[in-house]
Amino acid sequence: MVTLSERALTHALKASLGFSKLGVNLKMAVNVPVSALPKISLTEIVQLYRPQFEKWPGLIIDVSEEQIVSDLKLAADLTEDLKPLNVHLAIDDLGRGYSSLVRLKELPFAELKLDRAFVNDCGTDKVNAPLCKTVIDLAHDFGSIAVAIGIEKVSDAVALVSMGCDYGQGFLLGQPMPEEHSISLLRQRARAKTPPSTRDTADAAEERQHA
């Protein structure tokens, strides 16, 4: 698991550099098990492989709510070490572990990611809709970004935008694909769209290519 996590991080950073040389600046996100975090040389890997230019958008490390809530000191230490390198932590699958929100307040995570169980049918379900809105507002109150994962329906995407969700991931917005296909798709979208005042949901989702 440690070796796989190191490879994923290294690949994401190298891919970010490759994208930047093509004029596409992406904030990459990598899922890393909490158990592997103390065993890998995060700062050394980032310093060695990160793109060395001022406007590098950075890297997000996704950690599951269930795992990280039991070791917030580790998260706090990593946040302090990695922030100067423009690397931040995100809580993945928020809601799956039903952790105490009081504990989550102890650390300002860069992102809170809504679990797909809440996102599914949030455009029509009378339970999921208010849950999503509550978590989105909570993320903003914490000074974090709200990300909805597992978006598969247009109605859900529209509802999440109306709730103020910042970013989205899911098959509706983009399928897993090889790096070269991602570059081609981003170029097509860049040519097709007119200068917007804000990014639309689909563009935001495509900018979150997970390693």
N, C-alpha and C. Protein backbone atom coordinates (compact mmCIF):
# COMPACT_ATOMS: atom_id res chain seq x y z
N MET A 1 0.82 -1.21 0.00
CA MET A 1 0.00 0.00 0.00
C MET A 1 0.86 1.27 0.00
N VAL A 2 1.98 1.22 0.76
CA VAL A 2 2.86 2.38 0.82
C VAL A 2 3.49 2.64 -0.55
N THR A 3 4.00 1.57 -1.18
CA THR A 3 4.63 1.71 -2.50
C THR A 3 3.63 2.21 -3.53
N LEU A 4 2.41 1.69 -3.50
CA LEU A 4 1.37 2.12 -4.44
C LEU A 4 1.03 3.59 -4.23
N SER A 5 0.94 4.01 -2.98
CA SER A 5 0.63 5.42 -2.69
C SER A 5 1.74 6.34 -3.19
N GLU A 6 2.99 5.93 -2.99
CA GLU A 6 4.11 6.73 -3.47
C GLU A 6 4.09 6.84 -5.00
N ARG A 7 3.78 5.72 -5.66
CA ARG A 7 3.70 5.75 -7.13
C ARG A 7 2.58 6.66 -7.61
N ALA A 8 1.43 6.60 -6.92
CA ALA A 8 0.30 7.43 -7.30
C ALA A 8 0.63 8.91 -7.15
N LEU A 9 1.26 9.26 -6.05
CA LEU A 9 1.64 10.65 -5.82
C LEU A 9 2.65 11.12 -6.87
N THR A 10 3.66 10.30 -7.10
CA THR A 10 4.69 10.66 -8.08
C THR A 10 4.09 10.82 -9.47
N HIS A 11 3.21 9.89 -9.85
CA HIS A 11 2.58 9.97 -11.18
C HIS A 11 1.72 11.22 -11.30
N ALA A 12 0.98 11.55 -10.25
CA ALA A 12 0.11 12.73 -10.30
C ALA A 12 0.93 14.00 -10.47
N LEU A 13 2.04 14.10 -9.75
CA LEU A 13 2.89 15.28 -9.85
C LEU A 13 3.55 15.38 -11.23
N LYS A 14 4.01 14.26 -11.75
CA LYS A 14 4.61 14.26 -13.08
C LYS A 14 3.57 14.60 -14.15
N ALA A 15 2.36 14.07 -13.98
CA ALA A 15 1.28 14.37 -14.92
C ALA A 15 0.92 15.85 -14.88
N SER A 16 0.92 16.42 -13.69
CA SER A 16 0.63 17.84 -13.55
C SER A 16 1.65 18.68 -14.30
N LEU A 17 2.91 18.28 -14.22
CA LEU A 17 3.95 18.98 -14.96
C LEU A 17 3.74 18.81 -16.46
N GLY A 18 3.37 17.60 -16.89
CA GLY A 18 3.11 17.36 -18.31
C GLY A 18 1.95 18.20 -18.83
N PHE A 19 0.89 18.29 -18.04
CA PHE A 19 -0.25 19.12 -18.43
C PHE A 19 0.16 20.59 -18.53
N SER A 20 0.96 21.06 -17.57
CA SER A 20 1.33 22.47 -17.55
C SER A 20 2.15 22.84 -18.78
N LYS A 21 2.98 21.92 -19.26
CA LYS A 21 3.77 22.19 -20.47
C LYS A 21 2.89 22.34 -21.70
N LEU A 22 1.69 21.79 -21.61
CA LEU A 22 0.72 21.92 -22.71
C LEU A 22 -0.22 23.10 -22.50
N GLY A 23 0.04 23.88 -21.46
CA GLY A 23 -0.78 25.05 -21.19
C GLY A 23 -2.05 24.75 -20.41
N VAL A 24 -2.12 23.56 -19.78
CA VAL A 24 -3.30 23.18 -19.00
C VAL A 24 -2.87 23.01 -17.55
N ASN A 25 -3.33 23.90 -16.69
CA ASN A 25 -2.96 23.85 -15.28
C ASN A 25 -4.07 23.16 -14.48
N LEU A 26 -3.81 21.95 -14.03
CA LEU A 26 -4.80 21.16 -13.31
C LEU A 26 -4.39 20.96 -11.87
N LYS A 27 -5.37 21.06 -10.98
CA LYS A 27 -5.13 20.67 -9.59
C LYS A 27 -5.44 19.18 -9.48
N MET A 28 -4.42 18.38 -9.32
CA MET A 28 -4.59 16.94 -9.25
C MET A 28 -5.04 16.52 -7.86
N ALA A 29 -5.72 15.37 -7.77
CA ALA A 29 -6.16 14.83 -6.49
C ALA A 29 -5.80 13.35 -6.44
N VAL A 30 -5.27 12.92 -5.29
CA VAL A 30 -4.83 11.55 -5.13
C VAL A 30 -5.42 10.98 -3.84
N ASN A 31 -6.00 9.79 -3.92
CA ASN A 31 -6.49 9.11 -2.73
C ASN A 31 -5.34 8.36 -2.05
N VAL A 32 -5.13 8.63 -0.77
CA VAL A 32 -4.06 7.96 -0.02
C VAL A 32 -4.65 7.43 1.29
N PRO A 33 -4.47 6.15 1.60
CA PRO A 33 -4.94 5.62 2.88
C PRO A 33 -4.24 6.31 4.04
N VAL A 34 -4.98 6.61 5.07
CA VAL A 34 -4.39 7.28 6.23
C VAL A 34 -3.26 6.45 6.83
N SER A 35 -3.40 5.14 6.81
CA SER A 35 -2.37 4.27 7.38
C SER A 35 -1.03 4.41 6.66
N ALA A 36 -1.07 4.85 5.40
CA ALA A 36 0.16 4.99 4.62
C ALA A 36 0.81 6.36 4.80
N LEU A 37 0.05 7.34 5.25
CA LEU A 37 0.57 8.71 5.32
C LEU A 37 1.83 8.84 6.17
N PRO A 38 1.90 8.24 7.37
CA PRO A 38 3.13 8.41 8.17
C PRO A 38 4.32 7.65 7.62
N LYS A 39 4.08 6.75 6.68
CA LYS A 39 5.14 5.86 6.21
C LYS A 39 5.77 6.32 4.89
N ILE A 40 5.18 7.32 4.27
CA ILE A 40 5.74 7.79 3.01
C ILE A 40 6.33 9.18 3.19
N SER A 41 7.32 9.49 2.39
CA SER A 41 8.02 10.79 2.50
C SER A 41 7.28 11.81 1.64
N LEU A 42 6.16 12.30 2.15
CA LEU A 42 5.31 13.19 1.36
C LEU A 42 6.05 14.45 0.93
N THR A 43 6.64 15.14 1.89
CA THR A 43 7.29 16.41 1.55
C THR A 43 8.42 16.20 0.55
N GLU A 44 9.19 15.15 0.71
CA GLU A 44 10.30 14.88 -0.20
C GLU A 44 9.79 14.58 -1.61
N ILE A 45 8.72 13.77 -1.71
CA ILE A 45 8.16 13.43 -3.01
C ILE A 45 7.64 14.69 -3.71
N VAL A 46 6.92 15.53 -2.96
CA VAL A 46 6.37 16.75 -3.55
C VAL A 46 7.49 17.68 -3.99
N GLN A 47 8.47 17.89 -3.14
CA GLN A 47 9.57 18.78 -3.49
C GLN A 47 10.34 18.30 -4.70
N LEU A 48 10.44 16.99 -4.86
CA LEU A 48 11.22 16.42 -5.96
C LEU A 48 10.48 16.47 -7.28
N TYR A 49 9.16 16.23 -7.26
CA TYR A 49 8.44 16.05 -8.52
C TYR A 49 7.43 17.15 -8.85
N ARG A 50 7.15 18.05 -7.94
CA ARG A 50 6.14 19.07 -8.23
C ARG A 50 6.63 20.03 -9.30
N PRO A 51 5.72 20.57 -10.12
CA PRO A 51 6.11 21.57 -11.12
C PRO A 51 6.66 22.81 -10.43
N GLN A 52 7.74 23.31 -10.91
CA GLN A 52 8.39 24.46 -10.29
C GLN A 52 8.02 25.75 -11.01
N PHE A 53 6.78 26.15 -10.92
CA PHE A 53 6.39 27.45 -11.44
C PHE A 53 5.34 28.05 -10.52
N GLU A 54 5.28 29.37 -10.53
CA GLU A 54 4.52 30.12 -9.53
C GLU A 54 3.03 29.79 -9.55
N LYS A 55 2.45 29.57 -10.71
CA LYS A 55 1.00 29.39 -10.82
C LYS A 55 0.58 27.92 -10.77
N TRP A 56 1.46 27.04 -10.31
CA TRP A 56 1.05 25.65 -10.15
C TRP A 56 -0.16 25.59 -9.22
N PRO A 57 -1.29 25.01 -9.66
CA PRO A 57 -2.50 25.02 -8.84
C PRO A 57 -2.47 24.14 -7.61
N GLY A 58 -1.47 23.25 -7.51
CA GLY A 58 -1.32 22.47 -6.30
C GLY A 58 -1.84 21.05 -6.41
N LEU A 59 -1.84 20.37 -5.28
CA LEU A 59 -2.22 18.97 -5.20
C LEU A 59 -3.16 18.77 -4.01
N ILE A 60 -4.17 17.94 -4.20
CA ILE A 60 -5.10 17.58 -3.14
C ILE A 60 -4.88 16.11 -2.78
N ILE A 61 -4.75 15.83 -1.48
CA ILE A 61 -4.66 14.45 -1.01
C ILE A 61 -5.97 14.10 -0.31
N ASP A 62 -6.70 13.15 -0.91
CA ASP A 62 -7.98 12.73 -0.36
C ASP A 62 -7.78 11.67 0.72
N VAL A 63 -8.36 11.90 1.89
CA VAL A 63 -8.33 10.92 2.97
C VAL A 63 -9.77 10.66 3.40
N SER A 64 -10.08 9.43 3.73
CA SER A 64 -11.45 9.11 4.08
C SER A 64 -11.80 9.62 5.47
N GLU A 65 -13.05 10.05 5.60
CA GLU A 65 -13.53 10.55 6.89
C GLU A 65 -13.37 9.51 8.00
N GLU A 66 -13.74 8.27 7.68
CA GLU A 66 -13.70 7.21 8.69
C GLU A 66 -12.30 7.02 9.26
N GLN A 67 -11.28 7.16 8.40
CA GLN A 67 -9.91 6.92 8.84
C GLN A 67 -9.28 8.12 9.53
N ILE A 68 -9.47 9.30 8.98
CA ILE A 68 -8.73 10.46 9.47
C ILE A 68 -9.30 11.00 10.77
N VAL A 69 -10.59 10.79 11.03
CA VAL A 69 -11.18 11.37 12.23
C VAL A 69 -10.58 10.77 13.51
N SER A 70 -9.97 9.61 13.40
CA SER A 70 -9.35 8.99 14.57
C SER A 70 -7.92 9.48 14.81
N ASP A 71 -7.38 10.26 13.87
CA ASP A 71 -6.01 10.76 14.04
C ASP A 71 -5.90 12.17 13.46
N LEU A 72 -6.59 13.09 14.08
CA LEU A 72 -6.57 14.46 13.59
C LEU A 72 -5.22 15.14 13.83
N LYS A 73 -4.46 14.65 14.80
CA LYS A 73 -3.12 15.23 15.00
C LYS A 73 -2.23 14.97 13.79
N LEU A 74 -2.32 13.78 13.24
CA LEU A 74 -1.57 13.46 12.03
C LEU A 74 -1.97 14.41 10.91
N ALA A 75 -3.27 14.61 10.76
CA ALA A 75 -3.75 15.51 9.72
C ALA A 75 -3.27 16.93 9.95
N ALA A 76 -3.28 17.37 11.21
CA ALA A 76 -2.82 18.72 11.53
C ALA A 76 -1.34 18.88 11.21
N ASP A 77 -0.54 17.89 11.55
CA ASP A 77 0.90 17.95 11.28
C ASP A 77 1.17 17.98 9.77
N LEU A 78 0.44 17.14 9.02
CA LEU A 78 0.62 17.11 7.57
C LEU A 78 0.18 18.42 6.94
N THR A 79 -0.93 18.97 7.42
CA THR A 79 -1.41 20.24 6.89
C THR A 79 -0.36 21.33 7.04
N GLU A 80 0.26 21.38 8.21
CA GLU A 80 1.29 22.39 8.47
C GLU A 80 2.52 22.18 7.59
N ASP A 81 2.91 20.94 7.40
CA ASP A 81 4.11 20.64 6.60
C ASP A 81 3.89 20.87 5.11
N LEU A 82 2.67 20.55 4.64
CA LEU A 82 2.42 20.54 3.20
C LEU A 82 1.87 21.86 2.66
N LYS A 83 1.28 22.67 3.51
CA LYS A 83 0.67 23.91 3.04
C LYS A 83 1.66 24.81 2.30
N PRO A 84 2.91 24.98 2.79
CA PRO A 84 3.85 25.82 2.04
C PRO A 84 4.17 25.27 0.65
N LEU A 85 3.92 23.98 0.43
CA LEU A 85 4.18 23.36 -0.86
C LEU A 85 2.95 23.38 -1.76
N ASN A 86 1.87 24.04 -1.30
CA ASN A 86 0.61 24.11 -2.04
C ASN A 86 -0.04 22.73 -2.17
N VAL A 87 0.07 21.95 -1.12
CA VAL A 87 -0.58 20.63 -1.05
C VAL A 87 -1.54 20.66 0.14
N HIS A 88 -2.77 20.18 -0.09
CA HIS A 88 -3.80 20.28 0.94
C HIS A 88 -4.54 18.95 1.09
N LEU A 89 -5.16 18.78 2.25
CA LEU A 89 -5.94 17.57 2.52
C LEU A 89 -7.42 17.81 2.27
N ALA A 90 -8.11 16.77 1.83
CA ALA A 90 -9.55 16.81 1.64
C ALA A 90 -10.18 15.60 2.33
N ILE A 91 -11.33 15.81 2.98
CA ILE A 91 -12.06 14.70 3.57
C ILE A 91 -12.93 14.08 2.49
N ASP A 92 -12.70 12.81 2.20
CA ASP A 92 -13.46 12.10 1.18
C ASP A 92 -14.63 11.36 1.81
N ASP A 93 -15.72 11.19 1.04
CA ASP A 93 -16.89 10.42 1.49
C ASP A 93 -17.45 10.95 2.80
N LEU A 94 -17.56 12.27 2.92
CA LEU A 94 -18.09 12.85 4.15
C LEU A 94 -19.51 12.35 4.40
N GLY A 95 -19.75 11.83 5.58
CA GLY A 95 -21.07 11.32 5.92
C GLY A 95 -21.11 9.81 6.02
N ARG A 96 -20.20 9.14 5.35
CA ARG A 96 -20.19 7.67 5.39
C ARG A 96 -19.83 7.16 6.77
N GLY A 97 -18.91 7.86 7.45
CA GLY A 97 -18.47 7.40 8.76
C GLY A 97 -19.25 7.96 9.92
N TYR A 98 -20.12 8.96 9.61
CA TYR A 98 -20.94 9.56 10.67
C TYR A 98 -20.08 10.02 11.85
N SER A 99 -18.95 10.63 11.53
CA SER A 99 -18.06 11.09 12.59
C SER A 99 -18.62 12.35 13.24
N SER A 100 -18.07 12.69 14.39
CA SER A 100 -18.51 13.86 15.12
C SER A 100 -18.07 15.13 14.39
N LEU A 101 -19.03 16.01 14.11
CA LEU A 101 -18.69 17.26 13.44
C LEU A 101 -17.85 18.15 14.34
N VAL A 102 -17.99 17.97 15.65
CA VAL A 102 -17.17 18.74 16.57
C VAL A 102 -15.70 18.44 16.35
N ARG A 103 -15.37 17.18 16.07
CA ARG A 103 -13.98 16.80 15.84
C ARG A 103 -13.48 17.37 14.51
N LEU A 104 -14.35 17.41 13.50
CA LEU A 104 -13.93 17.93 12.21
C LEU A 104 -13.61 19.42 12.29
N LYS A 105 -14.22 20.11 13.23
CA LYS A 105 -13.96 21.54 13.39
C LYS A 105 -12.54 21.81 13.90
N GLU A 106 -11.88 20.77 14.40
CA GLU A 106 -10.55 20.96 14.97
C GLU A 106 -9.49 21.21 13.90
N LEU A 107 -9.81 20.93 12.65
CA LEU A 107 -8.82 21.08 11.59
C LEU A 107 -9.47 21.62 10.33
N PRO A 108 -8.95 22.70 9.75
CA PRO A 108 -9.54 23.28 8.54
C PRO A 108 -9.09 22.53 7.29
N PHE A 109 -9.80 21.47 6.93
CA PHE A 109 -9.50 20.75 5.69
C PHE A 109 -9.80 21.66 4.50
N ALA A 110 -9.04 21.48 3.43
CA ALA A 110 -9.24 22.32 2.26
C ALA A 110 -10.55 22.00 1.56
N GLU A 111 -10.96 20.72 1.59
CA GLU A 111 -12.17 20.31 0.90
C GLU A 111 -12.95 19.30 1.74
N LEU A 112 -14.27 19.35 1.63
CA LEU A 112 -15.15 18.32 2.17
C LEU A 112 -15.91 17.72 1.00
N LYS A 113 -15.84 16.40 0.86
CA LYS A 113 -16.45 15.72 -0.28
C LYS A 113 -17.69 14.94 0.16
N LEU A 114 -18.83 15.30 -0.41
CA LEU A 114 -20.08 14.65 -0.06
C LEU A 114 -20.09 13.22 -0.57
N ASP A 115 -20.46 12.29 0.28
CA ASP A 115 -20.56 10.89 -0.11
C ASP A 115 -21.62 10.71 -1.18
N ARG A 116 -21.36 9.80 -2.11
CA ARG A 116 -22.28 9.58 -3.23
C ARG A 116 -23.66 9.11 -2.76
N ALA A 117 -23.74 8.52 -1.57
CA ALA A 117 -25.04 8.08 -1.06
C ALA A 117 -25.96 9.28 -0.82
N PHE A 118 -25.39 10.44 -0.49
CA PHE A 118 -26.17 11.65 -0.31
C PHE A 118 -26.44 12.34 -1.65
N VAL A 119 -25.44 12.27 -2.53
CA VAL A 119 -25.54 12.98 -3.82
C VAL A 119 -26.59 12.33 -4.73
N ASN A 120 -26.69 11.00 -4.70
CA ASN A 120 -27.63 10.30 -5.56
C ASN A 120 -29.07 10.74 -5.28
N ASP A 121 -29.74 11.22 -6.31
CA ASP A 121 -31.14 11.67 -6.24
C ASP A 121 -31.32 12.92 -5.38
N CYS A 122 -30.25 13.67 -5.13
CA CYS A 122 -30.40 14.87 -4.32
C CYS A 122 -31.25 15.93 -5.00
N GLY A 123 -31.46 15.75 -6.32
CA GLY A 123 -32.32 16.69 -7.03
C GLY A 123 -33.80 16.46 -6.78
N THR A 124 -34.15 15.27 -6.27
CA THR A 124 -35.57 14.94 -6.08
C THR A 124 -35.87 14.36 -4.69
N ASP A 125 -34.89 13.75 -4.06
CA ASP A 125 -35.13 13.07 -2.79
C ASP A 125 -35.27 14.09 -1.65
N LYS A 126 -36.33 13.96 -0.87
CA LYS A 126 -36.62 14.92 0.19
C LYS A 126 -35.70 14.78 1.40
N VAL A 127 -34.96 13.68 1.46
CA VAL A 127 -33.99 13.50 2.54
C VAL A 127 -32.60 13.91 2.08
N ASN A 128 -32.19 13.42 0.91
CA ASN A 128 -30.84 13.70 0.43
C ASN A 128 -30.62 15.18 0.11
N ALA A 129 -31.64 15.84 -0.41
CA ALA A 129 -31.49 17.25 -0.79
C ALA A 129 -31.10 18.12 0.41
N PRO A 130 -31.84 18.10 1.51
CA PRO A 130 -31.42 18.93 2.65
C PRO A 130 -30.11 18.49 3.28
N LEU A 131 -29.79 17.18 3.22
CA LEU A 131 -28.51 16.71 3.74
C LEU A 131 -27.36 17.31 2.95
N CYS A 132 -27.48 17.30 1.63
CA CYS A 132 -26.44 17.87 0.78
C CYS A 132 -26.28 19.37 1.05
N LYS A 133 -27.39 20.06 1.14
CA LYS A 133 -27.34 21.51 1.39
C LYS A 133 -26.68 21.79 2.73
N THR A 134 -26.98 20.98 3.74
CA THR A 134 -26.38 21.17 5.06
C THR A 134 -24.87 20.98 5.02
N VAL A 135 -24.41 19.92 4.33
CA VAL A 135 -22.97 19.65 4.26
C VAL A 135 -22.26 20.74 3.45
N ILE A 136 -22.88 21.20 2.38
CA ILE A 136 -22.29 22.27 1.57
C ILE A 136 -22.13 23.54 2.40
N ASP A 137 -23.19 23.90 3.11
CA ASP A 137 -23.11 25.09 3.98
C ASP A 137 -22.07 24.90 5.08
N LEU A 138 -21.99 23.68 5.61
CA LEU A 138 -21.02 23.37 6.65
C LEU A 138 -19.60 23.56 6.13
N ALA A 139 -19.34 23.05 4.93
CA ALA A 139 -18.01 23.21 4.33
C ALA A 139 -17.65 24.68 4.20
N HIS A 140 -18.59 25.47 3.73
CA HIS A 140 -18.33 26.90 3.56
C HIS A 140 -18.12 27.59 4.91
N ASP A 141 -18.89 27.17 5.93
CA ASP A 141 -18.71 27.74 7.26
C ASP A 141 -17.33 27.42 7.82
N PHE A 142 -16.78 26.25 7.45
CA PHE A 142 -15.45 25.85 7.88
C PHE A 142 -14.35 26.53 7.05
N GLY A 143 -14.75 27.27 6.03
CA GLY A 143 -13.77 27.87 5.13
C GLY A 143 -13.21 26.88 4.13
N SER A 144 -13.97 25.80 3.87
CA SER A 144 -13.53 24.76 2.94
C SER A 144 -14.34 24.79 1.66
N ILE A 145 -13.90 24.01 0.69
CA ILE A 145 -14.60 23.85 -0.58
C ILE A 145 -15.48 22.61 -0.51
N ALA A 146 -16.68 22.70 -1.06
CA ALA A 146 -17.59 21.56 -1.09
C ALA A 146 -17.51 20.86 -2.44
N VAL A 147 -17.30 19.55 -2.41
CA VAL A 147 -17.19 18.76 -3.64
C VAL A 147 -18.19 17.60 -3.56
N ALA A 148 -19.02 17.46 -4.57
CA ALA A 148 -19.97 16.35 -4.63
C ALA A 148 -19.39 15.25 -5.51
N ILE A 149 -19.37 14.02 -5.02
CA ILE A 149 -18.83 12.91 -5.80
C ILE A 149 -19.96 11.97 -6.20
N GLY A 150 -19.74 11.29 -7.33
CA GLY A 150 -20.73 10.31 -7.79
C GLY A 150 -21.92 10.92 -8.49
N ILE A 151 -21.73 12.06 -9.17
CA ILE A 151 -22.83 12.69 -9.89
C ILE A 151 -23.10 11.92 -11.18
N GLU A 152 -24.31 11.43 -11.34
CA GLU A 152 -24.66 10.64 -12.52
C GLU A 152 -25.92 11.14 -13.22
N LYS A 153 -26.61 12.11 -12.64
CA LYS A 153 -27.86 12.60 -13.23
C LYS A 153 -27.81 14.12 -13.38
N VAL A 154 -28.38 14.59 -14.50
CA VAL A 154 -28.42 16.03 -14.75
C VAL A 154 -29.18 16.74 -13.64
N SER A 155 -30.29 16.16 -13.20
CA SER A 155 -31.11 16.80 -12.17
C SER A 155 -30.33 16.98 -10.88
N ASP A 156 -29.46 16.02 -10.56
CA ASP A 156 -28.64 16.14 -9.35
C ASP A 156 -27.59 17.24 -9.52
N ALA A 157 -26.99 17.31 -10.71
CA ALA A 157 -25.98 18.34 -10.96
C ALA A 157 -26.58 19.73 -10.85
N VAL A 158 -27.76 19.90 -11.44
CA VAL A 158 -28.45 21.19 -11.39
C VAL A 158 -28.78 21.57 -9.94
N ALA A 159 -29.27 20.59 -9.18
CA ALA A 159 -29.61 20.85 -7.78
C ALA A 159 -28.38 21.24 -6.97
N LEU A 160 -27.27 20.57 -7.20
CA LEU A 160 -26.04 20.86 -6.45
C LEU A 160 -25.52 22.25 -6.76
N VAL A 161 -25.62 22.66 -8.02
CA VAL A 161 -25.22 24.03 -8.39
C VAL A 161 -26.08 25.04 -7.65
N SER A 162 -27.39 24.78 -7.60
CA SER A 162 -28.30 25.71 -6.91
C SER A 162 -28.04 25.76 -5.41
N MET A 163 -27.48 24.67 -4.86
CA MET A 163 -27.16 24.63 -3.43
C MET A 163 -25.84 25.33 -3.12
N GLY A 164 -25.09 25.69 -4.15
CA GLY A 164 -23.82 26.36 -3.94
C GLY A 164 -22.62 25.45 -3.89
N CYS A 165 -22.78 24.20 -4.36
CA CYS A 165 -21.65 23.26 -4.37
C CYS A 165 -20.57 23.78 -5.31
N ASP A 166 -19.32 23.69 -4.88
CA ASP A 166 -18.22 24.30 -5.63
C ASP A 166 -17.73 23.46 -6.80
N TYR A 167 -17.60 22.14 -6.58
CA TYR A 167 -17.09 21.25 -7.61
C TYR A 167 -17.89 19.95 -7.63
N GLY A 168 -17.75 19.22 -8.75
CA GLY A 168 -18.42 17.95 -8.86
C GLY A 168 -17.56 16.91 -9.54
N GLN A 169 -17.77 15.66 -9.19
CA GLN A 169 -17.12 14.51 -9.84
C GLN A 169 -18.20 13.47 -10.13
N GLY A 170 -18.01 12.73 -11.21
CA GLY A 170 -18.96 11.67 -11.50
C GLY A 170 -19.04 11.35 -12.98
N PHE A 171 -19.64 10.22 -13.30
CA PHE A 171 -19.72 9.76 -14.68
C PHE A 171 -20.49 10.71 -15.58
N LEU A 172 -21.42 11.49 -15.02
CA LEU A 172 -22.14 12.47 -15.83
C LEU A 172 -21.19 13.50 -16.40
N LEU A 173 -20.16 13.84 -15.64
CA LEU A 173 -19.24 14.91 -16.02
C LEU A 173 -18.00 14.42 -16.74
N GLY A 174 -17.63 13.17 -16.53
CA GLY A 174 -16.46 12.64 -17.20
C GLY A 174 -16.14 11.23 -16.75
N GLN A 175 -15.87 10.37 -17.69
CA GLN A 175 -15.49 8.98 -17.39
C GLN A 175 -13.99 8.89 -17.11
N PRO A 176 -13.55 7.89 -16.35
CA PRO A 176 -12.11 7.67 -16.23
C PRO A 176 -11.50 7.46 -17.62
N MET A 177 -10.36 8.07 -17.86
CA MET A 177 -9.77 8.00 -19.20
C MET A 177 -8.27 8.15 -19.12
N PRO A 178 -7.56 7.70 -20.16
CA PRO A 178 -6.10 7.88 -20.21
C PRO A 178 -5.74 9.35 -20.25
N GLU A 179 -4.53 9.64 -19.84
CA GLU A 179 -4.07 11.03 -19.76
C GLU A 179 -4.19 11.76 -21.08
N GLU A 180 -3.81 11.10 -22.18
CA GLU A 180 -3.85 11.79 -23.47
C GLU A 180 -5.27 12.14 -23.89
N HIS A 181 -6.24 11.29 -23.50
CA HIS A 181 -7.63 11.59 -23.81
C HIS A 181 -8.12 12.79 -23.00
N SER A 182 -7.66 12.89 -21.77
CA SER A 182 -8.03 14.03 -20.93
C SER A 182 -7.53 15.33 -21.55
N ILE A 183 -6.28 15.30 -22.02
CA ILE A 183 -5.71 16.50 -22.64
C ILE A 183 -6.51 16.90 -23.87
N SER A 184 -6.87 15.91 -24.69
CA SER A 184 -7.64 16.19 -25.91
C SER A 184 -9.00 16.79 -25.57
N LEU A 185 -9.66 16.23 -24.56
CA LEU A 185 -10.97 16.73 -24.16
C LEU A 185 -10.88 18.15 -23.62
N LEU A 186 -9.89 18.43 -22.79
CA LEU A 186 -9.72 19.77 -22.24
C LEU A 186 -9.45 20.79 -23.34
N ARG A 187 -8.68 20.39 -24.33
CA ARG A 187 -8.40 21.30 -25.44
C ARG A 187 -9.66 21.60 -26.23
N GLN A 188 -10.48 20.56 -26.46
CA GLN A 188 -11.73 20.76 -27.18
C GLN A 188 -12.64 21.72 -26.44
N ARG A 189 -12.73 21.54 -25.14
CA ARG A 189 -13.59 22.42 -24.34
C ARG A 189 -13.06 23.84 -24.31
N ALA A 190 -11.72 23.98 -24.25
CA ALA A 190 -11.13 25.31 -24.23
C ALA A 190 -11.43 26.06 -25.52
N ARG A 191 -11.43 25.33 -26.64
CA ARG A 191 -11.73 25.96 -27.93
C ARG A 191 -13.20 26.28 -28.06
N ALA A 192 -14.04 25.45 -27.47
CA ALA A 192 -15.48 25.59 -27.68
C ALA A 192 -16.14 26.65 -26.82
N LYS A 193 -15.64 26.82 -25.61
CA LYS A 193 -16.37 27.71 -24.70
C LYS A 193 -15.92 29.17 -24.86
N THR A 194 -16.86 30.06 -24.62
CA THR A 194 -16.57 31.48 -24.63
C THR A 194 -16.05 31.87 -23.25
N PRO A 195 -15.36 33.02 -23.13
CA PRO A 195 -14.81 33.41 -21.82
C PRO A 195 -15.92 33.55 -20.79
N PRO A 196 -15.92 32.71 -19.76
CA PRO A 196 -16.98 32.77 -18.75
C PRO A 196 -16.55 33.59 -17.54
N SER A 197 -17.53 34.04 -16.75
CA SER A 197 -17.20 34.73 -15.51
C SER A 197 -16.90 33.73 -14.41
N THR A 198 -17.49 32.54 -14.53
CA THR A 198 -17.20 31.46 -13.59
C THR A 198 -17.13 30.16 -14.35
N ARG A 199 -16.46 29.16 -13.82
CA ARG A 199 -16.37 27.86 -14.46
C ARG A 199 -17.66 27.10 -14.27
N ASP A 200 -18.09 26.39 -15.30
CA ASP A 200 -19.28 25.57 -15.14
C ASP A 200 -18.92 24.27 -14.46
N THR A 201 -19.93 23.54 -14.04
CA THR A 201 -19.72 22.34 -13.24
C THR A 201 -18.90 21.30 -13.98
N ALA A 202 -19.17 21.14 -15.28
CA ALA A 202 -18.47 20.12 -16.04
C ALA A 202 -16.97 20.41 -16.12
N ASP A 203 -16.62 21.70 -16.38
CA ASP A 203 -15.21 22.05 -16.47
C ASP A 203 -14.52 21.81 -15.14
N ALA A 204 -15.21 22.14 -14.04
CA ALA A 204 -14.61 21.94 -12.73
C ALA A 204 -14.35 20.47 -12.47
N ALA A 205 -15.29 19.63 -12.89
CA ALA A 205 -15.12 18.20 -12.66
C ALA A 205 -13.94 17.65 -13.45
N GLU A 206 -13.78 18.09 -14.70
CA GLU A 206 -12.71 17.58 -15.53
C GLU A 206 -11.33 18.01 -15.01
N GLU A 207 -11.31 19.12 -14.23
CA GLU A 207 -10.04 19.58 -13.71
C GLU A 207 -9.62 18.77 -12.50
N ARG A 208 -10.47 17.83 -12.05
CA ARG A 208 -10.13 16.97 -10.94
C ARG A 208 -9.82 15.58 -11.45
N GLN A 209 -8.71 15.41 -12.12
CA GLN A 209 -8.33 14.10 -12.64
C GLN A 209 -7.60 13.35 -11.53
N HIS A 210 -8.21 12.27 -10.99
CA HIS A 210 -7.61 11.52 -9.89
C HIS A 210 -6.59 10.52 -10.42
N ALA A 211 -5.51 10.46 -9.69
CA ALA A 211 -4.48 9.48 -10.05
C ALA A 211 -4.93 8.12 -9.60
